[in-house]
């Protein structure tokens, strides 16, 4: 935080990261006590897979697009790019 009490960029990233891991952990803790570990882990895995697939589709990248090989032997580089 800066002197004025406003959250800076780095603090915002840390807060979002803490919430991104903390909130699902709290939900999973409650779910385990109600539904059991196996059912909770299954639902958690399905949600993670669905979110990953949604993220991949929203960026226009698919698994087949990420497998394309790049021929680095023909690429030209200059000292300024290195």
PDB file of N, CA and C in Angstrom:
ATOM      1  N   UNK A   1       0.832  -1.180   0.000  1.00  0.00           N
ATOM      2  CA  UNK A   1       0.000   0.000   0.000  1.00  0.00           C
ATOM      3  C   UNK A   1       0.875   1.241   0.000  1.00  0.00           C
ATOM      4  N   UNK A   2       0.420   2.287  -0.621  1.00  0.00           N
ATOM      5  CA  UNK A   2       1.171   3.528  -0.581  1.00  0.00           C
ATOM      6  C   UNK A   2       0.712   4.355   0.625  1.00  0.00           C
ATOM      7  N   UNK A   3       1.294   5.513   0.803  1.00  0.00           N
ATOM      8  CA  UNK A   3       1.042   6.334   1.987  1.00  0.00           C
ATOM      9  C   UNK A   3      -0.422   6.771   2.076  1.00  0.00           C
ATOM     10  N   UNK A   4      -1.044   7.048   0.962  1.00  0.00           N
ATOM     11  CA  UNK A   4      -2.429   7.526   0.965  1.00  0.00           C
ATOM     12  C   UNK A   4      -3.426   6.422   1.302  1.00  0.00           C
ATOM     13  N   UNK A   5      -2.984   5.183   1.379  1.00  0.00           N
ATOM     14  CA  UNK A   5      -3.883   4.080   1.696  1.00  0.00           C
ATOM     15  C   UNK A   5      -4.576   3.486   0.493  1.00  0.00           C
ATOM     16  N   UNK A   6      -4.148   3.874  -0.682  1.00  0.00           N
ATOM     17  CA  UNK A   6      -4.725   3.335  -1.906  1.00  0.00           C
ATOM     18  C   UNK A   6      -3.960   2.077  -2.275  1.00  0.00           C
ATOM     19  N   UNK A   7      -4.660   1.070  -2.700  1.00  0.00           N
ATOM     20  CA  UNK A   7      -4.018  -0.183  -3.074  1.00  0.00           C
ATOM     21  C   UNK A   7      -3.265   0.019  -4.381  1.00  0.00           C
ATOM     22  N   UNK A   8      -1.993  -0.315  -4.381  1.00  0.00           N
ATOM     23  CA  UNK A   8      -1.183  -0.194  -5.588  1.00  0.00           C
ATOM     24  C   UNK A   8      -1.319  -1.452  -6.429  1.00  0.00           C
ATOM     25  N   UNK A   9      -0.731  -1.436  -7.613  1.00  0.00           N
ATOM     26  CA  UNK A   9      -0.842  -2.565  -8.533  1.00  0.00           C
ATOM     27  C   UNK A   9      -0.343  -3.870  -7.953  1.00  0.00           C
ATOM     28  N   UNK A  10       0.806  -3.852  -7.305  1.00  0.00           N
ATOM     29  CA  UNK A  10       1.365  -5.074  -6.731  1.00  0.00           C
ATOM     30  C   UNK A  10       0.501  -5.637  -5.623  1.00  0.00           C
ATOM     31  N   UNK A  11      -0.035  -4.735  -4.778  1.00  0.00           N
ATOM     32  CA  UNK A  11      -0.911  -5.191  -3.701  1.00  0.00           C
ATOM     33  C   UNK A  11      -2.212  -5.764  -4.255  1.00  0.00           C
ATOM     34  N   UNK A  12      -2.694  -5.186  -5.335  1.00  0.00           N
ATOM     35  CA  UNK A  12      -3.930  -5.668  -5.941  1.00  0.00           C
ATOM     36  C   UNK A  12      -3.740  -7.082  -6.476  1.00  0.00           C
ATOM     37  N   UNK A  13      -2.588  -7.322  -7.085  1.00  0.00           N
ATOM     38  CA  UNK A  13      -2.303  -8.655  -7.618  1.00  0.00           C
ATOM     39  C   UNK A  13      -2.225  -9.666  -6.483  1.00  0.00           C
ATOM     40  N   UNK A  14      -1.588  -9.280  -5.390  1.00  0.00           N
ATOM     41  CA  UNK A  14      -1.487 -10.184  -4.239  1.00  0.00           C
ATOM     42  C   UNK A  14      -2.865 -10.479  -3.653  1.00  0.00           C
ATOM     43  N   UNK A  15      -3.716  -9.461  -3.569  1.00  0.00           N
ATOM     44  CA  UNK A  15      -5.051  -9.658  -3.012  1.00  0.00           C
ATOM     45  C   UNK A  15      -5.889 -10.559  -3.910  1.00  0.00           C
ATOM     46  N   UNK A  16      -5.812 -10.354  -5.210  1.00  0.00           N
ATOM     47  CA  UNK A  16      -6.567 -11.200  -6.141  1.00  0.00           C
ATOM     48  C   UNK A  16      -6.063 -12.633  -6.082  1.00  0.00           C
ATOM     49  N   UNK A  17      -4.747 -12.797  -5.991  1.00  0.00           N
ATOM     50  CA  UNK A  17      -4.178 -14.142  -5.881  1.00  0.00           C
ATOM     51  C   UNK A  17      -4.625 -14.848  -4.617  1.00  0.00           C
ATOM     52  N   UNK A  18      -4.646 -14.110  -3.505  1.00  0.00           N
ATOM     53  CA  UNK A  18      -5.084 -14.707  -2.236  1.00  0.00           C
ATOM     54  C   UNK A  18      -6.553 -15.110  -2.309  1.00  0.00           C
ATOM     55  N   UNK A  19      -7.372 -14.268  -2.908  1.00  0.00           N
ATOM     56  CA  UNK A  19      -8.789 -14.608  -3.044  1.00  0.00           C
ATOM     57  C   UNK A  19      -9.000 -15.768  -4.009  1.00  0.00           C
ATOM     58  N   UNK A  20      -8.200 -15.807  -5.068  1.00  0.00           N
ATOM     59  CA  UNK A  20      -8.348 -16.871  -6.065  1.00  0.00           C
ATOM     60  C   UNK A  20      -8.059 -18.246  -5.470  1.00  0.00           C
ATOM     61  N   UNK A  21      -7.173 -18.305  -4.489  1.00  0.00           N
ATOM     62  CA  UNK A  21      -6.890 -19.589  -3.848  1.00  0.00           C
ATOM     63  C   UNK A  21      -7.694 -19.774  -2.565  1.00  0.00           C
ATOM     64  N   UNK A  22      -7.980 -18.702  -1.876  1.00  0.00           N
ATOM     65  CA  UNK A  22      -8.652 -18.800  -0.583  1.00  0.00           C
ATOM     66  C   UNK A  22     -10.123 -19.143  -0.668  1.00  0.00           C
ATOM     67  N   UNK A  23     -10.839 -18.486  -1.560  1.00  0.00           N
ATOM     68  CA  UNK A  23     -12.287 -18.720  -1.657  1.00  0.00           C
ATOM     69  C   UNK A  23     -12.604 -20.158  -2.077  1.00  0.00           C
ATOM     70  N   UNK A  24     -11.944 -20.697  -3.118  1.00  0.00           N
ATOM     71  CA  UNK A  24     -12.220 -22.106  -3.442  1.00  0.00           C
ATOM     72  C   UNK A  24     -11.839 -23.069  -2.308  1.00  0.00           C
ATOM     73  N   UNK A  25     -10.803 -22.740  -1.550  1.00  0.00           N
ATOM     74  CA  UNK A  25     -10.415 -23.606  -0.430  1.00  0.00           C
ATOM     75  C   UNK A  25     -11.487 -23.607   0.654  1.00  0.00           C
ATOM     76  N   UNK A  26     -12.058 -22.455   0.935  1.00  0.00           N
ATOM     77  CA  UNK A  26     -13.131 -22.392   1.929  1.00  0.00           C
ATOM     78  C   UNK A  26     -14.362 -23.158   1.458  1.00  0.00           C
ATOM     79  N   UNK A  27     -14.715 -22.986   0.200  1.00  0.00           N
ATOM     80  CA  UNK A  27     -15.868 -23.703  -0.351  1.00  0.00           C
ATOM     81  C   UNK A  27     -15.619 -25.208  -0.329  1.00  0.00           C
ATOM     82  N   UNK A  28     -14.426 -25.614  -0.709  1.00  0.00           N
ATOM     83  CA  UNK A  28     -14.098 -27.044  -0.711  1.00  0.00           C
ATOM     84  C   UNK A  28     -14.116 -27.621   0.705  1.00  0.00           C
ATOM     85  N   UNK A  29     -13.644 -26.845   1.671  1.00  0.00           N
ATOM     86  CA  UNK A  29     -13.677 -27.310   3.058  1.00  0.00           C
ATOM     87  C   UNK A  29     -15.088 -27.578   3.540  1.00  0.00           C
ATOM     88  N   UNK A  30     -15.985 -26.687   3.197  1.00  0.00           N
ATOM     89  CA  UNK A  30     -17.389 -26.891   3.562  1.00  0.00           C
ATOM     90  C   UNK A  30     -17.992 -28.073   2.800  1.00  0.00           C
ATOM     91  N   UNK A  31     -17.646 -28.195   1.534  1.00  0.00           N
ATOM     92  CA  UNK A  31     -18.203 -29.282   0.715  1.00  0.00           C
ATOM     93  C   UNK A  31     -17.721 -30.644   1.201  1.00  0.00           C
ATOM     94  N   UNK A  32     -16.470 -30.729   1.631  1.00  0.00           N
ATOM     95  CA  UNK A  32     -15.936 -32.009   2.114  1.00  0.00           C
ATOM     96  C   UNK A  32     -16.708 -32.487   3.330  1.00  0.00           C
ATOM     97  N   UNK A  33     -17.032 -31.564   4.237  1.00  0.00           N
ATOM     98  CA  UNK A  33     -17.760 -31.980   5.440  1.00  0.00           C
ATOM     99  C   UNK A  33     -19.180 -32.426   5.107  1.00  0.00           C
ATOM    100  N   UNK A  34     -19.764 -31.889   4.038  1.00  0.00           N
ATOM    101  CA  UNK A  34     -21.138 -32.256   3.682  1.00  0.00           C
ATOM    102  C   UNK A  34     -21.227 -33.439   2.725  1.00  0.00           C
ATOM    103  N   UNK A  35     -20.324 -33.471   1.724  1.00  0.00           N
ATOM    104  CA  UNK A  35     -20.462 -34.448   0.638  1.00  0.00           C
ATOM    105  C   UNK A  35     -19.346 -35.483   0.577  1.00  0.00           C
ATOM    106  N   UNK A  36     -18.279 -35.296   1.299  1.00  0.00           N
ATOM    107  CA  UNK A  36     -17.169 -36.236   1.284  1.00  0.00           C
ATOM    108  C   UNK A  36     -16.064 -35.790   0.340  1.00  0.00           C
ATOM    109  N   UNK A  37     -14.889 -36.330   0.550  1.00  0.00           N
ATOM    110  CA  UNK A  37     -13.709 -35.914  -0.203  1.00  0.00           C
ATOM    111  C   UNK A  37     -13.795 -36.311  -1.672  1.00  0.00           C
ATOM    112  N   UNK A  38     -14.226 -37.517  -1.955  1.00  0.00           N
ATOM    113  CA  UNK A  38     -14.254 -37.988  -3.342  1.00  0.00           C
ATOM    114  C   UNK A  38     -15.201 -37.149  -4.197  1.00  0.00           C
ATOM    115  N   UNK A  39     -16.413 -36.923  -3.712  1.00  0.00           N
ATOM    116  CA  UNK A  39     -17.374 -36.132  -4.483  1.00  0.00           C
ATOM    117  C   UNK A  39     -16.895 -34.690  -4.655  1.00  0.00           C
ATOM    118  N   UNK A  40     -16.326 -34.131  -3.604  1.00  0.00           N
ATOM    119  CA  UNK A  40     -15.823 -32.753  -3.688  1.00  0.00           C
ATOM    120  C   UNK A  40     -14.681 -32.657  -4.685  1.00  0.00           C
ATOM    121  N   UNK A  41     -13.763 -33.601  -4.656  1.00  0.00           N
ATOM    122  CA  UNK A  41     -12.628 -33.583  -5.589  1.00  0.00           C
ATOM    123  C   UNK A  41     -13.101 -33.757  -7.031  1.00  0.00           C
ATOM    124  N   UNK A  42     -14.102 -34.590  -7.229  1.00  0.00           N
ATOM    125  CA  UNK A  42     -14.641 -34.793  -8.576  1.00  0.00           C
ATOM    126  C   UNK A  42     -15.259 -33.513  -9.121  1.00  0.00           C
ATOM    127  N   UNK A  43     -16.084 -32.872  -8.323  1.00  0.00           N
ATOM    128  CA  UNK A  43     -16.726 -31.626  -8.757  1.00  0.00           C
ATOM    129  C   UNK A  43     -15.672 -30.544  -8.973  1.00  0.00           C
ATOM    130  N   UNK A  44     -14.691 -30.457  -8.072  1.00  0.00           N
ATOM    131  CA  UNK A  44     -13.621 -29.465  -8.206  1.00  0.00           C
ATOM    132  C   UNK A  44     -12.860 -29.669  -9.515  1.00  0.00           C
ATOM    133  N   UNK A  45     -12.540 -30.910  -9.837  1.00  0.00           N
ATOM    134  CA  UNK A  45     -11.812 -31.199 -11.081  1.00  0.00           C
ATOM    135  C   UNK A  45     -12.632 -30.819 -12.303  1.00  0.00           C
ATOM    136  N   UNK A  46     -13.932 -31.113 -12.280  1.00  0.00           N
ATOM    137  CA  UNK A  46     -14.796 -30.752 -13.402  1.00  0.00           C
ATOM    138  C   UNK A  46     -14.848 -29.239 -13.577  1.00  0.00           C
ATOM    139  N   UNK A  47     -14.935 -28.508 -12.482  1.00  0.00           N
ATOM    140  CA  UNK A  47     -14.978 -27.043 -12.548  1.00  0.00           C
ATOM    141  C   UNK A  47     -13.665 -26.491 -13.093  1.00  0.00           C
ATOM    142  N   UNK A  48     -12.535 -27.025 -12.638  1.00  0.00           N
ATOM    143  CA  UNK A  48     -11.235 -26.562 -13.124  1.00  0.00           C
ATOM    144  C   UNK A  48     -11.087 -26.830 -14.618  1.00  0.00           C
ATOM    145  N   UNK A  49     -11.495 -28.007 -15.058  1.00  0.00           N
ATOM    146  CA  UNK A  49     -11.412 -28.344 -16.478  1.00  0.00           C
ATOM    147  C   UNK A  49     -12.312 -27.421 -17.297  1.00  0.00           C
ATOM    148  N   UNK A  50     -13.517 -27.171 -16.808  1.00  0.00           N
ATOM    149  CA  UNK A  50     -14.444 -26.289 -17.525  1.00  0.00           C
ATOM    150  C   UNK A  50     -13.889 -24.859 -17.616  1.00  0.00           C
ATOM    151  N   UNK A  51     -13.310 -24.366 -16.535  1.00  0.00           N
ATOM    152  CA  UNK A  51     -12.733 -23.015 -16.550  1.00  0.00           C
ATOM    153  C   UNK A  51     -11.536 -22.935 -17.486  1.00  0.00           C
ATOM    154  N   UNK A  52     -10.697 -23.962 -17.490  1.00  0.00           N
ATOM    155  CA  UNK A  52      -9.544 -23.976 -18.390  1.00  0.00           C
ATOM    156  C   UNK A  52      -9.985 -24.021 -19.847  1.00  0.00           C
ATOM    157  N   UNK A  53     -11.000 -24.816 -20.133  1.00  0.00           N
ATOM    158  CA  UNK A  53     -11.520 -24.896 -21.494  1.00  0.00           C
ATOM    159  C   UNK A  53     -12.151 -23.572 -21.921  1.00  0.00           C
ATOM    160  N   UNK A  54     -12.897 -22.945 -21.017  1.00  0.00           N
ATOM    161  CA  UNK A  54     -13.500 -21.646 -21.322  1.00  0.00           C
ATOM    162  C   UNK A  54     -12.425 -20.590 -21.567  1.00  0.00           C
ATOM    163  N   UNK A  55     -11.370 -20.613 -20.778  1.00  0.00           N
ATOM    164  CA  UNK A  55     -10.282 -19.652 -20.974  1.00  0.00           C
ATOM    165  C   UNK A  55      -9.584 -19.882 -22.304  1.00  0.00           C
ATOM    166  N   UNK A  56      -9.363 -21.141 -22.649  1.00  0.00           N
ATOM    167  CA  UNK A  56      -8.700 -21.454 -23.922  1.00  0.00           C
ATOM    168  C   UNK A  56      -9.552 -21.035 -25.106  1.00  0.00           C
ATOM    169  N   UNK A  57     -10.841 -21.276 -25.016  1.00  0.00           N
ATOM    170  CA  UNK A  57     -11.734 -20.908 -26.117  1.00  0.00           C
ATOM    171  C   UNK A  57     -11.913 -19.400 -26.220  1.00  0.00           C
ATOM    172  N   UNK A  58     -11.866 -18.701 -25.099  1.00  0.00           N
ATOM    173  CA  UNK A  58     -12.058 -17.247 -25.144  1.00  0.00           C
ATOM    174  C   UNK A  58     -10.851 -16.528 -25.731  1.00  0.00           C
ATOM    175  N   UNK A  59      -9.686 -17.130 -25.673  1.00  0.00           N
ATOM    176  CA  UNK A  59      -8.503 -16.507 -26.264  1.00  0.00           C
ATOM    177  C   UNK A  59      -8.308 -16.931 -27.705  1.00  0.00           C
ATOM    178  N   UNK A  60      -9.120 -17.838 -28.169  1.00  0.00           N
ATOM    179  CA  UNK A  60      -8.999 -18.303 -29.543  1.00  0.00           C
ATOM    180  C   UNK A  60      -7.934 -19.369 -29.719  1.00  0.00           C
ATOM    181  N   UNK A  61      -7.344 -19.793 -28.627  1.00  0.00           N
ATOM    182  CA  UNK A  61      -6.330 -20.848 -28.708  1.00  0.00           C
ATOM    183  C   UNK A  61      -6.960 -22.173 -28.335  1.00  0.00           C
ATOM    184  N   UNK A  62      -6.627 -23.166 -29.110  1.00  0.00           N
ATOM    185  CA  UNK A  62      -7.088 -24.509 -28.832  1.00  0.00           C
ATOM    186  C   UNK A  62      -5.864 -25.391 -28.657  1.00  0.00           C
ATOM    187  N   UNK A  63      -6.011 -26.570 -28.083  1.00  0.00           N
ATOM    188  CA  UNK A  63      -4.844 -27.435 -27.919  1.00  0.00           C
ATOM    189  C   UNK A  63      -4.124 -27.721 -29.237  1.00  0.00           C
ATOM    190  N   UNK A  64      -4.865 -27.842 -30.344  1.00  0.00           N
ATOM    191  CA  UNK A  64      -4.205 -28.130 -31.617  1.00  0.00           C
ATOM    192  C   UNK A  64      -3.380 -26.937 -32.090  1.00  0.00           C
ATOM    193  N   UNK A  65      -3.822 -25.725 -31.788  1.00  0.00           N
ATOM    194  CA  UNK A  65      -3.072 -24.539 -32.196  1.00  0.00           C
ATOM    195  C   UNK A  65      -1.778 -24.411 -31.404  1.00  0.00           C
ATOM    196  N   UNK A  66      -1.774 -24.868 -30.168  1.00  0.00           N
ATOM    197  CA  UNK A  66      -0.570 -24.746 -29.360  1.00  0.00           C
ATOM    198  C   UNK A  66       0.478 -25.795 -29.722  1.00  0.00           C
ATOM    199  N   UNK A  67       0.089 -26.814 -30.481  1.00  0.00           N
ATOM    200  CA  UNK A  67       1.029 -27.865 -30.864  1.00  0.00           C
ATOM    201  C   UNK A  67       1.799 -27.538 -32.135  1.00  0.00           C
ATOM    202  N   UNK A  68       1.424 -26.471 -32.817  1.00  0.00           N
ATOM    203  CA  UNK A  68       2.110 -26.140 -34.058  1.00  0.00           C
ATOM    204  C   UNK A  68       3.576 -25.849 -33.790  1.00  0.00           C
ATOM    205  N   UNK A  69       4.408 -26.460 -34.578  1.00  0.00           N
ATOM    206  CA  UNK A  69       5.847 -26.284 -34.406  1.00  0.00           C
ATOM    207  C   UNK A  69       6.292 -25.003 -35.099  1.00  0.00           C
ATOM    208  N   UNK A  70       7.252 -24.350 -34.500  1.00  0.00           N
ATOM    209  CA  UNK A  70       7.834 -23.159 -35.086  1.00  0.00           C
ATOM    210  C   UNK A  70       9.246 -23.511 -35.522  1.00  0.00           C
ATOM    211  N   UNK A  71       9.552 -23.233 -36.768  1.00  0.00           N
ATOM    212  CA  UNK A  71      10.881 -23.520 -37.294  1.00  0.00           C
ATOM    213  C   UNK A  71      11.804 -22.374 -36.919  1.00  0.00           C
ATOM    214  N   UNK A  72      12.636 -22.594 -35.903  1.00  0.00           N
ATOM    215  CA  UNK A  72      13.509 -21.522 -35.437  1.00  0.00           C
ATOM    216  C   UNK A  72      14.793 -21.440 -36.258  1.00  0.00           C
ATOM    217  N   UNK A  73      15.036 -22.405 -37.131  1.00  0.00           N
ATOM    218  CA  UNK A  73      16.270 -22.356 -37.923  1.00  0.00           C
ATOM    219  C   UNK A  73      16.207 -21.292 -39.007  1.00  0.00           C
ATOM    220  N   UNK A  74      15.002 -20.930 -39.437  1.00  0.00           N
ATOM    221  CA  UNK A  74      14.875 -19.911 -40.492  1.00  0.00           C
ATOM    222  C   UNK A  74      14.589 -18.533 -39.920  1.00  0.00           C
ATOM    223  N   UNK A  75      14.388 -18.427 -38.622  1.00  0.00           N
ATOM    224  CA  UNK A  75      14.070 -17.141 -38.023  1.00  0.00           C
ATOM    225  C   UNK A  75      15.319 -16.271 -37.972  1.00  0.00           C
ATOM    226  N   UNK A  76      15.144 -15.027 -38.346  1.00  0.00           N
ATOM    227  CA  UNK A  76      16.263 -14.081 -38.317  1.00  0.00           C
ATOM    228  C   UNK A  76      16.163 -13.259 -37.048  1.00  0.00           C
ATOM    229  N   UNK A  77      17.266 -13.128 -36.346  1.00  0.00           N
ATOM    230  CA  UNK A  77      17.296 -12.304 -35.171  1.00  0.00           C
ATOM    231  C   UNK A  77      18.431 -11.298 -35.267  1.00  0.00           C
ATOM    232  N   UNK A  78      18.238 -10.200 -34.640  1.00  0.00           N
ATOM    233  CA  UNK A  78      19.297  -9.198 -34.578  1.00  0.00           C
ATOM    234  C   UNK A  78      19.738  -9.069 -33.133  1.00  0.00           C
ATOM    235  N   UNK A  79      20.825  -8.367 -32.929  1.00  0.00           N
ATOM    236  CA  UNK A  79      21.329  -8.194 -31.557  1.00  0.00           C
ATOM    237  C   UNK A  79      20.334  -7.428 -30.701  1.00  0.00           C
ATOM    238  N   UNK A  80      19.553  -6.544 -31.272  1.00  0.00           N
ATOM    239  CA  UNK A  80      18.594  -5.778 -30.491  1.00  0.00           C
ATOM    240  C   UNK A  80      17.435  -6.651 -30.012  1.00  0.00           C
ATOM    241  N   UNK A  81      17.136  -7.753 -30.687  1.00  0.00           N
ATOM    242  CA  UNK A  81      16.058  -8.641 -30.283  1.00  0.00           C
ATOM    243  C   UNK A  81      16.480  -9.609 -29.195  1.00  0.00           C
ATOM    244  N   UNK A  82      17.768  -9.798 -29.048  1.00  0.00           N
ATOM    245  CA  UNK A  82      18.255 -10.795 -28.081  1.00  0.00           C
ATOM    246  C   UNK A  82      18.269 -10.259 -26.679  1.00  0.00           C
TER     247      UNK A  82
END
